[in-house]
Amino acid sequence: QRHRDVIGDTALLSAFISLQTCATDLEQLKYDLDHQRQHFETLQEKLTALRDAR
């Protein structure tokens, strides 16, 4: 079992592909959350401007 080649290890390859998929999904979620944050910050600024205008 020791000192065996990891390049042909299908379990390791499968785990690596799974990690890559998770990392891609995580990056997309991060992007989406940042976009939503910017949207809500803009709404908050508009609400503040309306409140100040009264």
C-alpha atoms as a PDB file:
ATOM      1  CA  GLN A   1       0.000   0.000   0.000  1.00  0.00           C
ATOM      2  CA  ARG A   2       2.827   2.415   0.740  1.00  0.00           C
ATOM      3  CA  HIS A   3       4.753   4.246  -1.931  1.00  0.00           C
ATOM      4  CA  ARG A   4       2.160   3.586  -4.592  1.00  0.00           C
ATOM      5  CA  ASP A   5       1.601   5.953  -7.499  1.00  0.00           C
ATOM      6  CA  VAL A   6      -1.134   8.501  -6.752  1.00  0.00           C
ATOM      7  CA  ILE A   7      -1.586   9.527 -10.388  1.00  0.00           C
ATOM      8  CA  GLY A   8      -3.596   6.398 -11.178  1.00  0.00           C
ATOM      9  CA  ASP A   9      -5.570   6.444  -7.924  1.00  0.00           C
ATOM     10  CA  THR A  10      -9.214   6.763  -8.972  1.00  0.00           C
ATOM     11  CA  ALA A  11     -10.418   7.566  -5.452  1.00  0.00           C
ATOM     12  CA  LEU A  12      -7.947  10.430  -5.204  1.00  0.00           C
ATOM     13  CA  LEU A  13      -8.866  11.674  -8.670  1.00  0.00           C
ATOM     14  CA  SER A  14     -12.557  11.533  -7.777  1.00  0.00           C
ATOM     15  CA  ALA A  15     -11.945  13.486  -4.567  1.00  0.00           C
ATOM     16  CA  PHE A  16      -9.919  16.096  -6.449  1.00  0.00           C
ATOM     17  CA  ILE A  17     -12.662  16.557  -9.066  1.00  0.00           C
ATOM     18  CA  SER A  18     -15.229  16.859  -6.289  1.00  0.00           C
ATOM     19  CA  LEU A  19     -13.110  19.515  -4.558  1.00  0.00           C
ATOM     20  CA  GLN A  20     -12.726  21.426  -7.822  1.00  0.00           C
ATOM     21  CA  THR A  21     -16.494  21.387  -8.324  1.00  0.00           C
ATOM     22  CA  CYS A  22     -17.075  22.601  -4.766  1.00  0.00           C
ATOM     23  CA  ALA A  23     -14.514  25.380  -5.201  1.00  0.00           C
ATOM     24  CA  THR A  24     -16.207  26.527  -8.406  1.00  0.00           C
ATOM     25  CA  ASP A  25     -19.631  26.473  -6.736  1.00  0.00           C
ATOM     26  CA  LEU A  26     -18.240  28.376  -3.752  1.00  0.00           C
ATOM     27  CA  GLU A  27     -16.728  31.023  -6.022  1.00  0.00           C
ATOM     28  CA  GLN A  28     -20.101  31.476  -7.756  1.00  0.00           C
ATOM     29  CA  LEU A  29     -21.890  31.785  -4.404  1.00  0.00           C
ATOM     30  CA  LYS A  30     -19.333  34.371  -3.285  1.00  0.00           C
ATOM     31  CA  TYR A  31     -19.905  36.351  -6.483  1.00  0.00           C
ATOM     32  CA  ASP A  32     -23.705  36.167  -6.093  1.00  0.00           C
ATOM     33  CA  LEU A  33     -23.569  37.262  -2.448  1.00  0.00           C
ATOM     34  CA  ASP A  34     -21.315  40.183  -3.301  1.00  0.00           C
ATOM     35  CA  HIS A  35     -23.713  41.235  -6.055  1.00  0.00           C
ATOM     36  CA  GLN A  36     -26.668  41.042  -3.638  1.00  0.00           C
ATOM     37  CA  ARG A  37     -24.723  43.008  -1.021  1.00  0.00           C
ATOM     38  CA  GLN A  38     -24.043  45.773  -3.523  1.00  0.00           C
ATOM     39  CA  HIS A  39     -27.719  45.804  -4.512  1.00  0.00           C
ATOM     40  CA  PHE A  40     -28.912  46.132  -0.907  1.00  0.00           C
ATOM     41  CA  GLU A  41     -26.296  48.769  -0.109  1.00  0.00           C
ATOM     42  CA  THR A  42     -27.619  50.813  -3.032  1.00  0.00           C
ATOM     43  CA  LEU A  43     -31.175  50.415  -1.735  1.00  0.00           C
ATOM     44  CA  GLN A  44     -30.032  51.449   1.738  1.00  0.00           C
ATOM     45  CA  GLU A  45     -28.394  54.571   0.313  1.00  0.00           C
ATOM     46  CA  LYS A  46     -31.608  55.437  -1.554  1.00  0.00           C
ATOM     47  CA  LEU A  47     -33.668  54.970   1.611  1.00  0.00           C
ATOM     48  CA  THR A  48     -31.290  57.204   3.537  1.00  0.00           C
ATOM     49  CA  ALA A  49     -31.519  59.859   0.826  1.00  0.00           C
ATOM     50  CA  LEU A  50     -35.335  59.700   0.925  1.00  0.00           C
ATOM     51  CA  ARG A  51     -35.344  59.932   4.716  1.00  0.00           C
ATOM     52  CA  ASP A  52     -32.994  62.927   4.616  1.00  0.00           C
ATOM     53  CA  ALA A  53     -35.130  64.653   1.966  1.00  0.00           C
ATOM     54  CA  ARG A  54     -38.180  64.715   4.248  1.00  0.00           C
END
